[in-house]
Amino acid sequence: MTEVKLPSGVGWTAFLTAYGRAQESREATAGFDDPFASMFIGAVTGAQTVDAGEFPRVGPAVDDGSSPFWRAMRFYFCARTPFYDQQVLRAVDAGCRQVVLLGAGLDSRAFRLGLGEDVTVFELDQAPVLDFKQAVLDEHGATPTGTRVPVRADLRDDWPRALSAAGFDASRPAVWVAEGLLMYLTRRDADRLLAAVTARSAPGSRLAGEYFGGEWQESDAVTADEQESAAWELMRQAFRYGPVADTPADWLTGHGWTPGQTTTIVELGTGQDREYVPPEFARPGAPRVLLFDGTRPAER
């Protein structure tokens, strides 16, 4: 098997999410269409298009349906994607003209959601990720439907300053998207992030995110080979679980937000009529993946 390596500085989570989205986009019953995901996969693997055969294996990601472990990961990445798509579209319909993707990775919502010319999408991530992404987008001549502003900053550093310098206006409502992020933060860091977001959220701003309602145990996933085992161990070691001790409603309320919807990845998958809900998420006692949104109320 030929080893496929990621570009320097591009995280596994971002790439694996794109891999799953590229697979999903080929399905007749796909819950979304992300034609840009295959561009990122092709830039790394050499695969030309999603119609040109199977993608090469990259770490735990396989394209032949043989891996229950990867099916579980793909389910997670793809079942949550429409949730965030809808959160962004609803927020824009409600008047938010600024979209902030916290840890944007290889997200393509600035291109595929049909956002209007008056909507600005700020993609906040580390420079190597955004540089790789930009090179691929340029190669394919991709054009966003609104305004897209890459913001090269680390969420562990002074990202609010970089966001403001990029043109973000804290006096106007924004929708903040924390997809696949909070579980990698400690509770202290998650609180610090939300406090920074809150301080820059005008009344009417929206927030959507997810985290795990419990901790994964080593036995919670069945892996078939070394690459799957390594990916599972890497994921478990990286998780810090964020606000795991609180419900999303309590966590949001504690920071001055009005909670909205709370759902789980299993409920999303079931509601999307997916044929397969992995036992890693559905079995009794499995840690629930909680997805939520909230609104910044008007000041009294």
C-alpha atoms as a PDB file:
ATOM      1  CA  MET A   1       0.000   0.000   0.000  1.00  0.00           C
ATOM      2  CA  THR A   2       1.367   3.394  -1.008  1.00  0.00           C
ATOM      3  CA  GLU A   3       1.670   5.741   1.928  1.00  0.00           C
ATOM      4  CA  VAL A   4      -0.172   9.038   1.507  1.00  0.00           C
ATOM      5  CA  LYS A   5       1.062  11.950   3.576  1.00  0.00           C
ATOM      6  CA  LEU A   6      -0.764  15.148   4.378  1.00  0.00           C
ATOM      7  CA  PRO A   7       0.767  18.520   3.530  1.00  0.00           C
ATOM      8  CA  SER A   8       2.765  19.943   6.399  1.00  0.00           C
ATOM      9  CA  GLY A   9       0.549  21.696   8.925  1.00  0.00           C
ATOM     10  CA  VAL A  10      -2.757  20.313   7.615  1.00  0.00           C
ATOM     11  CA  GLY A  11      -4.527  18.492  10.442  1.00  0.00           C
ATOM     12  CA  TRP A  12      -5.923  14.989  10.174  1.00  0.00           C
ATOM     13  CA  THR A  13      -9.361  16.061  11.381  1.00  0.00           C
ATOM     14  CA  ALA A  14      -9.755  18.613   8.585  1.00  0.00           C
ATOM     15  CA  PHE A  15      -8.627  16.167   5.934  1.00  0.00           C
ATOM     16  CA  LEU A  16     -10.691  13.236   7.170  1.00  0.00           C
ATOM     17  CA  THR A  17     -13.775  15.445   7.316  1.00  0.00           C
ATOM     18  CA  ALA A  18     -13.200  16.423   3.685  1.00  0.00           C
ATOM     19  CA  TYR A  19     -12.673  12.759   2.748  1.00  0.00           C
ATOM     20  CA  GLY A  20     -16.006  11.812   4.291  1.00  0.00           C
ATOM     21  CA  ARG A  21     -17.772  14.757   2.654  1.00  0.00           C
ATOM     22  CA  ALA A  22     -16.337  13.799  -0.734  1.00  0.00           C
ATOM     23  CA  GLN A  23     -17.685  10.286  -0.295  1.00  0.00           C
ATOM     24  CA  GLU A  24     -21.074  11.555   0.835  1.00  0.00           C
ATOM     25  CA  SER A  25     -21.363  13.873  -2.161  1.00  0.00           C
ATOM     26  CA  ARG A  26     -21.281  10.888  -4.545  1.00  0.00           C
ATOM     27  CA  GLU A  27     -24.300   9.233  -2.928  1.00  0.00           C
ATOM     28  CA  ALA A  28     -27.689   9.378  -4.636  1.00  0.00           C
ATOM     29  CA  THR A  29     -29.275  10.136  -1.261  1.00  0.00           C
ATOM     30  CA  ALA A  30     -26.582  12.545  -0.053  1.00  0.00           C
ATOM     31  CA  GLY A  31     -27.619  14.953   2.673  1.00  0.00           C
ATOM     32  CA  PHE A  32     -25.506  17.682   1.056  1.00  0.00           C
ATOM     33  CA  ASP A  33     -23.260  18.288  -1.938  1.00  0.00           C
ATOM     34  CA  ASP A  34     -19.691  19.417  -1.374  1.00  0.00           C
ATOM     35  CA  PRO A  35     -17.886  19.320  -4.730  1.00  0.00           C
ATOM     36  CA  PHE A  36     -14.900  21.074  -3.218  1.00  0.00           C
ATOM     37  CA  ALA A  37     -14.094  18.224  -0.827  1.00  0.00           C
ATOM     38  CA  SER A  38     -12.897  16.021  -3.682  1.00  0.00           C
ATOM     39  CA  MET A  39     -10.546  18.801  -4.787  1.00  0.00           C
ATOM     40  CA  PHE A  40      -8.746  18.663  -1.455  1.00  0.00           C
ATOM     41  CA  ILE A  41      -8.623  14.860  -1.538  1.00  0.00           C
ATOM     42  CA  GLY A  42      -7.271  14.931  -5.068  1.00  0.00           C
ATOM     43  CA  ALA A  43      -4.580  17.457  -4.148  1.00  0.00           C
ATOM     44  CA  VAL A  44      -3.205  14.996  -1.588  1.00  0.00           C
ATOM     45  CA  THR A  45      -3.890  11.600  -3.168  1.00  0.00           C
ATOM     46  CA  GLY A  46      -3.741  12.357  -6.884  1.00  0.00           C
ATOM     47  CA  ALA A  47      -7.338  11.192  -7.427  1.00  0.00           C
ATOM     48  CA  GLN A  48      -8.731  13.326 -10.240  1.00  0.00           C
ATOM     49  CA  THR A  49     -12.472  13.362  -9.555  1.00  0.00           C
ATOM     50  CA  VAL A  50     -15.018  11.584  -7.415  1.00  0.00           C
ATOM     51  CA  ASP A  51     -16.135   9.706 -10.538  1.00  0.00           C
ATOM     52  CA  ALA A  52     -12.702   8.361 -11.401  1.00  0.00           C
ATOM     53  CA  GLY A  53     -12.790   5.381  -9.059  1.00  0.00           C
ATOM     54  CA  GLU A  54     -12.007   4.866  -5.410  1.00  0.00           C
ATOM     55  CA  PHE A  55      -9.898   7.288  -3.447  1.00  0.00           C
ATOM     56  CA  PRO A  56      -6.647   5.849  -2.134  1.00  0.00           C
ATOM     57  CA  ARG A  57      -6.631   5.017   1.535  1.00  0.00           C
ATOM     58  CA  VAL A  58      -5.404   7.806   3.805  1.00  0.00           C
ATOM     59  CA  GLY A  59      -4.850   6.689   7.392  1.00  0.00           C
ATOM     60  CA  PRO A  60      -8.145   5.244   8.644  1.00  0.00           C
ATOM     61  CA  ALA A  61     -10.136   6.632   5.693  1.00  0.00           C
ATOM     62  CA  VAL A  62     -10.976   3.968   3.107  1.00  0.00           C
ATOM     63  CA  ASP A  63     -13.245   4.171   0.096  1.00  0.00           C
ATOM     64  CA  ASP A  64     -14.271   0.549  -0.395  1.00  0.00           C
ATOM     65  CA  GLY A  65     -16.806   0.159   2.419  1.00  0.00           C
ATOM     66  CA  SER A  66     -14.688  -2.428   4.211  1.00  0.00           C
ATOM     67  CA  SER A  67     -14.075  -0.583   7.473  1.00  0.00           C
ATOM     68  CA  PRO A  68     -16.758  -0.304  10.194  1.00  0.00           C
ATOM     69  CA  PHE A  69     -14.445   2.086  12.035  1.00  0.00           C
ATOM     70  CA  TRP A  70     -14.273   4.481   9.092  1.00  0.00           C
ATOM     71  CA  ARG A  71     -18.015   4.145   8.492  1.00  0.00           C
ATOM     72  CA  ALA A  72     -18.521   5.384  12.042  1.00  0.00           C
ATOM     73  CA  MET A  73     -16.181   8.328  11.536  1.00  0.00           C
ATOM     74  CA  ARG A  74     -17.735   9.202   8.197  1.00  0.00           C
ATOM     75  CA  PHE A  75     -21.213   9.051   9.753  1.00  0.00           C
ATOM     76  CA  TYR A  76     -20.142  11.530  12.418  1.00  0.00           C
ATOM     77  CA  PHE A  77     -18.564  13.990   9.985  1.00  0.00           C
ATOM     78  CA  CYS A  78     -21.396  13.836   7.464  1.00  0.00           C
ATOM     79  CA  ALA A  79     -24.440  13.677   9.742  1.00  0.00           C
ATOM     80  CA  ARG A  80     -23.364  16.908  11.421  1.00  0.00           C
ATOM     81  CA  THR A  81     -22.641  18.790   8.175  1.00  0.00           C
ATOM     82  CA  PRO A  82     -26.297  19.599   7.289  1.00  0.00           C
ATOM     83  CA  PHE A  83     -26.879  20.765  10.873  1.00  0.00           C
ATOM     84  CA  TYR A  84     -24.240  23.469  10.498  1.00  0.00           C
ATOM     85  CA  ASP A  85     -25.320  24.293   6.946  1.00  0.00           C
ATOM     86  CA  GLN A  86     -28.819  24.984   8.234  1.00  0.00           C
ATOM     87  CA  GLN A  87     -27.548  26.998  11.186  1.00  0.00           C
ATOM     88  CA  VAL A  88     -25.615  29.300   8.861  1.00  0.00           C
ATOM     89  CA  LEU A  89     -28.502  29.713   6.420  1.00  0.00           C
ATOM     90  CA  ARG A  90     -31.021  30.411   9.188  1.00  0.00           C
ATOM     91  CA  ALA A  91     -28.722  32.969  10.770  1.00  0.00           C
ATOM     92  CA  VAL A  92     -28.222  34.742   7.460  1.00  0.00           C
ATOM     93  CA  ASP A  93     -31.977  34.758   6.896  1.00  0.00           C
ATOM     94  CA  ALA A  94     -32.334  36.304  10.373  1.00  0.00           C
ATOM     95  CA  GLY A  95     -30.008  39.157   9.460  1.00  0.00           C
ATOM     96  CA  CYS A  96     -26.477  37.957  10.236  1.00  0.00           C
ATOM     97  CA  ARG A  97     -24.187  39.091   7.451  1.00  0.00           C
ATOM     98  CA  GLN A  98     -20.974  37.865   9.060  1.00  0.00           C
ATOM     99  CA  VAL A  99     -20.102  34.158   9.325  1.00  0.00           C
ATOM    100  CA  VAL A 100     -17.108  33.165  11.448  1.00  0.00           C
ATOM    101  CA  LEU A 101     -15.779  29.632  11.057  1.00  0.00           C
ATOM    102  CA  LEU A 102     -13.687  28.890  14.135  1.00  0.00           C
ATOM    103  CA  GLY A 103     -11.069  26.363  13.056  1.00  0.00           C
ATOM    104  CA  ALA A 104     -12.347  26.432   9.471  1.00  0.00           C
ATOM    105  CA  GLY A 105     -10.173  23.615   8.146  1.00  0.00           C
ATOM    106  CA  LEU A 106     -11.223  22.622   4.624  1.00  0.00           C
ATOM    107  CA  ASP A 107     -14.767  23.937   4.991  1.00  0.00           C
ATOM    108  CA  SER A 108     -16.332  25.198   1.739  1.00  0.00           C
ATOM    109  CA  ARG A 109     -19.516  26.904   2.931  1.00  0.00           C
ATOM    110  CA  ALA A 110     -18.397  30.217   1.467  1.00  0.00           C
ATOM    111  CA  PHE A 111     -18.670  28.539  -1.949  1.00  0.00           C
ATOM    112  CA  ARG A 112     -21.451  25.957  -1.774  1.00  0.00           C
ATOM    113  CA  LEU A 113     -24.267  27.477   0.335  1.00  0.00           C
ATOM    114  CA  GLY A 114     -25.204  30.192  -2.147  1.00  0.00           C
ATOM    115  CA  LEU A 115     -24.603  32.985   0.356  1.00  0.00           C
ATOM    116  CA  GLY A 116     -25.332  36.450  -0.970  1.00  0.00           C
ATOM    117  CA  GLU A 117     -22.843  39.092  -2.033  1.00  0.00           C
ATOM    118  CA  ASP A 118     -23.495  40.996   1.185  1.00  0.00           C
ATOM    119  CA  VAL A 119     -22.374  38.066   3.379  1.00  0.00           C
ATOM    120  CA  THR A 120     -18.758  37.838   4.551  1.00  0.00           C
ATOM    121  CA  VAL A 121     -17.339  34.501   5.655  1.00  0.00           C
ATOM    122  CA  PHE A 122     -14.297  34.750   7.924  1.00  0.00           C
ATOM    123  CA  GLU A 123     -12.339  31.490   7.882  1.00  0.00           C
ATOM    124  CA  LEU A 124     -10.151  31.376  10.964  1.00  0.00           C
ATOM    125  CA  ASP A 125      -7.402  28.753  11.102  1.00  0.00           C
ATOM    126  CA  GLN A 126      -3.658  28.289  11.165  1.00  0.00           C
ATOM    127  CA  ALA A 127      -1.653  29.553   8.205  1.00  0.00           C
ATOM    128  CA  PRO A 128      -0.520  26.157   6.788  1.00  0.00           C
ATOM    129  CA  VAL A 129      -4.140  24.958   6.588  1.00  0.00           C
ATOM    130  CA  LEU A 130      -5.398  28.092   4.867  1.00  0.00           C
ATOM    131  CA  ASP A 131      -2.370  28.261   2.552  1.00  0.00           C
ATOM    132  CA  PHE A 132      -2.931  24.694   1.349  1.00  0.00           C
ATOM    133  CA  LYS A 133      -6.624  25.369   0.971  1.00  0.00           C
ATOM    134  CA  GLN A 134      -6.049  28.552  -1.005  1.00  0.00           C
ATOM    135  CA  ALA A 135      -3.618  26.852  -3.368  1.00  0.00           C
ATOM    136  CA  VAL A 136      -6.174  24.147  -4.188  1.00  0.00           C
ATOM    137  CA  LEU A 137      -9.012  26.641  -4.626  1.00  0.00           C
ATOM    138  CA  ASP A 138      -6.848  28.789  -6.901  1.00  0.00           C
ATOM    139  CA  GLU A 139      -5.870  25.773  -8.985  1.00  0.00           C
ATOM    140  CA  HIS A 140      -9.546  25.035  -9.626  1.00  0.00           C
ATOM    141  CA  GLY A 141     -10.577  28.670 -10.094  1.00  0.00           C
ATOM    142  CA  ALA A 142     -13.108  28.468  -7.240  1.00  0.00           C
ATOM    143  CA  THR A 143     -15.047  31.658  -6.516  1.00  0.00           C
ATOM    144  CA  PRO A 144     -17.111  32.267  -3.355  1.00  0.00           C
ATOM    145  CA  THR A 145     -20.678  33.470  -3.761  1.00  0.00           C
ATOM    146  CA  GLY A 146     -20.141  36.237  -1.220  1.00  0.00           C
ATOM    147  CA  THR A 147     -16.969  37.582   0.359  1.00  0.00           C
ATOM    148  CA  ARG A 148     -14.482  35.117   1.834  1.00  0.00           C
ATOM    149  CA  VAL A 149     -11.753  36.332   4.187  1.00  0.00           C
ATOM    150  CA  PRO A 150      -9.101  33.862   5.369  1.00  0.00           C
ATOM    151  CA  VAL A 151      -7.836  34.806   8.838  1.00  0.00           C
ATOM    152  CA  ARG A 152      -4.501  33.185   9.621  1.00  0.00           C
ATOM    153  CA  ALA A 153      -4.473  32.812  13.389  1.00  0.00           C
ATOM    154  CA  ASP A 154      -4.196  30.167  16.072  1.00  0.00           C
ATOM    155  CA  LEU A 155      -7.162  29.885  18.432  1.00  0.00           C
ATOM    156  CA  ARG A 156      -4.645  29.584  21.268  1.00  0.00           C
ATOM    157  CA  ASP A 157      -3.270  33.040  20.449  1.00  0.00           C
ATOM    158  CA  ASP A 158      -4.790  36.506  20.015  1.00  0.00           C
ATOM    159  CA  TRP A 159      -7.235  35.519  17.290  1.00  0.00           C
ATOM    160  CA  PRO A 160      -9.759  38.312  18.124  1.00  0.00           C
ATOM    161  CA  ARG A 161      -7.166  40.905  17.148  1.00  0.00           C
ATOM    162  CA  ALA A 162      -6.517  39.100  13.848  1.00  0.00           C
ATOM    163  CA  LEU A 163     -10.251  38.801  13.190  1.00  0.00           C
ATOM    164  CA  SER A 164     -10.810  42.519  13.783  1.00  0.00           C
ATOM    165  CA  ALA A 165      -7.854  43.381  11.570  1.00  0.00           C
ATOM    166  CA  ALA A 166      -9.436  41.279   8.820  1.00  0.00           C
ATOM    167  CA  GLY A 167     -12.545  43.473   8.876  1.00  0.00           C
ATOM    168  CA  PHE A 168     -14.869  41.794  11.350  1.00  0.00           C
ATOM    169  CA  ASP A 169     -17.336  44.301  12.838  1.00  0.00           C
ATOM    170  CA  ALA A 170     -18.314  43.446  16.408  1.00  0.00           C
ATOM    171  CA  SER A 171     -21.192  45.931  16.283  1.00  0.00           C
ATOM    172  CA  ARG A 172     -23.022  43.825  13.674  1.00  0.00           C
ATOM    173  CA  PRO A 173     -24.624  40.390  14.255  1.00  0.00           C
ATOM    174  CA  ALA A 174     -22.582  37.357  13.307  1.00  0.00           C
ATOM    175  CA  VAL A 175     -23.030  33.609  13.271  1.00  0.00           C
ATOM    176  CA  TRP A 176     -20.163  31.702  14.866  1.00  0.00           C
ATOM    177  CA  VAL A 177     -19.551  28.081  13.857  1.00  0.00           C
ATOM    178  CA  ALA A 178     -17.509  25.836  16.171  1.00  0.00           C
ATOM    179  CA  GLU A 179     -17.736  22.590  14.215  1.00  0.00           C
ATOM    180  CA  GLY A 180     -15.564  19.746  15.484  1.00  0.00           C
ATOM    181  CA  LEU A 181     -13.711  22.054  17.856  1.00  0.00           C
ATOM    182  CA  LEU A 182     -14.862  22.179  21.472  1.00  0.00           C
ATOM    183  CA  MET A 183     -14.016  18.572  22.326  1.00  0.00           C
ATOM    184  CA  TYR A 184     -10.345  19.341  21.671  1.00  0.00           C
ATOM    185  CA  LEU A 185     -10.338  22.125  24.285  1.00  0.00           C
ATOM    186  CA  THR A 186     -10.138  21.945  28.048  1.00  0.00           C
ATOM    187  CA  ARG A 187     -13.079  23.388  29.954  1.00  0.00           C
ATOM    188  CA  ARG A 188     -10.987  26.436  30.783  1.00  0.00           C
ATOM    189  CA  ASP A 189     -10.039  26.994  27.143  1.00  0.00           C
ATOM    190  CA  ALA A 190     -13.622  26.426  25.988  1.00  0.00           C
ATOM    191  CA  ASP A 191     -14.849  29.024  28.469  1.00  0.00           C
ATOM    192  CA  ARG A 192     -12.159  31.435  27.342  1.00  0.00           C
ATOM    193  CA  LEU A 193     -13.150  30.923  23.705  1.00  0.00           C
ATOM    194  CA  LEU A 194     -16.838  31.487  24.394  1.00  0.00           C
ATOM    195  CA  ALA A 195     -16.069  34.550  26.492  1.00  0.00           C
ATOM    196  CA  ALA A 196     -14.109  36.019  23.571  1.00  0.00           C
ATOM    197  CA  VAL A 197     -16.925  35.194  21.162  1.00  0.00           C
ATOM    198  CA  THR A 198     -19.510  36.698  23.528  1.00  0.00           C
ATOM    199  CA  ALA A 199     -17.554  39.934  23.869  1.00  0.00           C
ATOM    200  CA  ARG A 200     -17.668  40.338  20.078  1.00  0.00           C
ATOM    201  CA  SER A 201     -21.270  39.271  19.506  1.00  0.00           C
ATOM    202  CA  ALA A 202     -23.825  41.991  18.875  1.00  0.00           C
ATOM    203  CA  PRO A 203     -27.448  41.289  19.849  1.00  0.00           C
ATOM    204  CA  GLY A 204     -28.948  38.807  17.410  1.00  0.00           C
ATOM    205  CA  SER A 205     -25.699  36.934  16.895  1.00  0.00           C
ATOM    206  CA  ARG A 206     -25.866  33.141  16.664  1.00  0.00           C
ATOM    207  CA  LEU A 207     -23.556  30.355  17.784  1.00  0.00           C
ATOM    208  CA  ALA A 208     -23.514  26.671  16.811  1.00  0.00           C
ATOM    209  CA  GLY A 209     -21.201  23.954  18.045  1.00  0.00           C
ATOM    210  CA  GLU A 210     -20.879  20.437  19.407  1.00  0.00           C
ATOM    211  CA  TYR A 211     -19.090  18.443  22.060  1.00  0.00           C
ATOM    212  CA  PHE A 212     -19.242  15.040  23.685  1.00  0.00           C
ATOM    213  CA  GLY A 213     -21.501  14.449  26.679  1.00  0.00           C
ATOM    214  CA  GLY A 214     -19.141  11.827  28.085  1.00  0.00           C
ATOM    215  CA  GLU A 215     -15.643  10.482  27.660  1.00  0.00           C
ATOM    216  CA  TRP A 216     -14.662   7.794  25.181  1.00  0.00           C
ATOM    217  CA  GLN A 217     -13.214   4.590  26.582  1.00  0.00           C
ATOM    218  CA  GLU A 218     -10.553   2.557  24.822  1.00  0.00           C
ATOM    219  CA  SER A 219     -13.087  -0.211  24.153  1.00  0.00           C
ATOM    220  CA  ASP A 220     -15.688   2.078  22.564  1.00  0.00           C
ATOM    221  CA  ALA A 221     -14.425   1.435  19.018  1.00  0.00           C
ATOM    222  CA  VAL A 222     -13.373  -1.767  17.269  1.00  0.00           C
ATOM    223  CA  THR A 223     -10.364  -1.251  15.021  1.00  0.00           C
ATOM    224  CA  ALA A 224      -9.169  -3.701  12.393  1.00  0.00           C
ATOM    225  CA  ASP A 225      -5.532  -2.745  11.786  1.00  0.00           C
ATOM    226  CA  GLU A 226      -2.670  -0.553  12.945  1.00  0.00           C
ATOM    227  CA  GLN A 227      -3.766   2.533  11.022  1.00  0.00           C
ATOM    228  CA  GLU A 228      -7.236   2.440  12.543  1.00  0.00           C
ATOM    229  CA  SER A 229      -5.848   1.758  16.010  1.00  0.00           C
ATOM    230  CA  ALA A 230      -3.386   4.628  15.692  1.00  0.00           C
ATOM    231  CA  ALA A 231      -6.144   6.997  14.547  1.00  0.00           C
ATOM    232  CA  TRP A 232      -8.405   5.963  17.416  1.00  0.00           C
ATOM    233  CA  GLU A 233      -5.657   6.403  19.998  1.00  0.00           C
ATOM    234  CA  LEU A 234      -4.634   9.759  18.527  1.00  0.00           C
ATOM    235  CA  MET A 235      -8.236  10.948  18.722  1.00  0.00           C
ATOM    236  CA  ARG A 236      -8.694   9.808  22.305  1.00  0.00           C
ATOM    237  CA  GLN A 237      -5.461  11.472  23.380  1.00  0.00           C
ATOM    238  CA  ALA A 238      -6.399  14.726  21.645  1.00  0.00           C
ATOM    239  CA  PHE A 239      -9.810  15.002  23.279  1.00  0.00           C
ATOM    240  CA  ARG A 240     -10.106  17.347  26.267  1.00  0.00           C
ATOM    241  CA  TYR A 241     -13.938  17.310  26.189  1.00  0.00           C
ATOM    242  CA  GLY A 242     -14.556  21.029  26.707  1.00  0.00           C
ATOM    243  CA  PRO A 243     -17.766  21.757  28.654  1.00  0.00           C
ATOM    244  CA  VAL A 244     -18.527  18.037  29.182  1.00  0.00           C
ATOM    245  CA  ALA A 245     -19.768  18.626  32.752  1.00  0.00           C
ATOM    246  CA  ASP A 246     -22.569  20.958  31.578  1.00  0.00           C
ATOM    247  CA  THR A 247     -25.492  20.633  29.234  1.00  0.00           C
ATOM    248  CA  PRO A 248     -25.236  22.979  26.249  1.00  0.00           C
ATOM    249  CA  ALA A 249     -28.129  25.029  27.639  1.00  0.00           C
ATOM    250  CA  ASP A 250     -26.388  25.531  30.999  1.00  0.00           C
ATOM    251  CA  TRP A 251     -23.081  26.349  29.352  1.00  0.00           C
ATOM    252  CA  LEU A 252     -24.599  28.907  27.005  1.00  0.00           C
ATOM    253  CA  THR A 253     -26.753  30.479  29.707  1.00  0.00           C
ATOM    254  CA  GLY A 254     -23.717  30.872  31.934  1.00  0.00           C
ATOM    255  CA  HIS A 255     -22.114  33.031  29.247  1.00  0.00           C
ATOM    256  CA  GLY A 256     -25.157  35.178  28.546  1.00  0.00           C
ATOM    257  CA  TRP A 257     -26.626  33.339  25.560  1.00  0.00           C
ATOM    258  CA  THR A 258     -30.195  32.175  25.032  1.00  0.00           C
ATOM    259  CA  PRO A 259     -30.083  28.437  24.272  1.00  0.00           C
ATOM    260  CA  GLY A 260     -31.838  27.150  21.197  1.00  0.00           C
ATOM    261  CA  GLN A 261     -31.890  23.629  19.817  1.00  0.00           C
ATOM    262  CA  THR A 262     -29.963  20.732  21.343  1.00  0.00           C
ATOM    263  CA  THR A 263     -29.798  17.439  19.472  1.00  0.00           C
ATOM    264  CA  THR A 264     -27.464  14.460  19.149  1.00  0.00           C
ATOM    265  CA  ILE A 265     -25.577  12.948  16.255  1.00  0.00           C
ATOM    266  CA  VAL A 266     -27.799   9.856  16.475  1.00  0.00           C
ATOM    267  CA  GLU A 267     -30.961  11.964  16.284  1.00  0.00           C
ATOM    268  CA  LEU A 268     -29.544  13.819  13.293  1.00  0.00           C
ATOM    269  CA  GLY A 269     -28.610  10.613  11.515  1.00  0.00           C
ATOM    270  CA  THR A 270     -31.988   9.075  12.196  1.00  0.00           C
ATOM    271  CA  GLY A 271     -33.781  12.211  11.033  1.00  0.00           C
ATOM    272  CA  GLN A 272     -31.766  12.157   7.814  1.00  0.00           C
ATOM    273  CA  ASP A 273     -33.011   8.597   7.141  1.00  0.00           C
ATOM    274  CA  ARG A 274     -29.508   7.212   7.075  1.00  0.00           C
ATOM    275  CA  GLU A 275     -29.517   3.452   6.680  1.00  0.00           C
ATOM    276  CA  TYR A 276     -26.676   2.958   9.128  1.00  0.00           C
ATOM    277  CA  VAL A 277     -26.218   4.452  12.588  1.00  0.00           C
ATOM    278  CA  PRO A 278     -22.907   3.105  13.943  1.00  0.00           C
ATOM    279  CA  PRO A 279     -22.989   1.229  17.248  1.00  0.00           C
ATOM    280  CA  GLU A 280     -20.136   3.432  18.482  1.00  0.00           C
ATOM    281  CA  PHE A 281     -22.742   6.190  18.779  1.00  0.00           C
ATOM    282  CA  ALA A 282     -26.002   4.273  19.147  1.00  0.00           C
ATOM    283  CA  ARG A 283     -25.270   1.596  21.763  1.00  0.00           C
ATOM    284  CA  PRO A 284     -26.557   2.107  25.322  1.00  0.00           C
ATOM    285  CA  GLY A 285     -24.006   4.012  27.371  1.00  0.00           C
ATOM    286  CA  ALA A 286     -22.144   5.444  24.369  1.00  0.00           C
ATOM    287  CA  PRO A 287     -21.008   9.059  24.843  1.00  0.00           C
ATOM    288  CA  ARG A 288     -23.588  11.317  23.230  1.00  0.00           C
ATOM    289  CA  VAL A 289     -22.425  13.894  20.715  1.00  0.00           C
ATOM    290  CA  LEU A 290     -24.399  17.028  21.613  1.00  0.00           C
ATOM    291  CA  LEU A 291     -25.018  19.622  18.901  1.00  0.00           C
ATOM    292  CA  PHE A 292     -26.498  22.962  19.880  1.00  0.00           C
ATOM    293  CA  ASP A 293     -27.153  26.546  18.948  1.00  0.00           C
ATOM    294  CA  GLY A 294     -27.793  29.739  20.828  1.00  0.00           C
ATOM    295  CA  THR A 295     -28.628  33.401  20.289  1.00  0.00           C
ATOM    296  CA  ARG A 296     -27.136  36.525  21.820  1.00  0.00           C
ATOM    297  CA  PRO A 297     -30.132  38.385  23.273  1.00  0.00           C
ATOM    298  CA  ALA A 298     -30.671  42.115  23.169  1.00  0.00           C
ATOM    299  CA  GLU A 299     -29.313  43.997  26.145  1.00  0.00           C
ATOM    300  CA  ARG A 300     -31.896  45.048  28.698  1.00  0.00           C
END
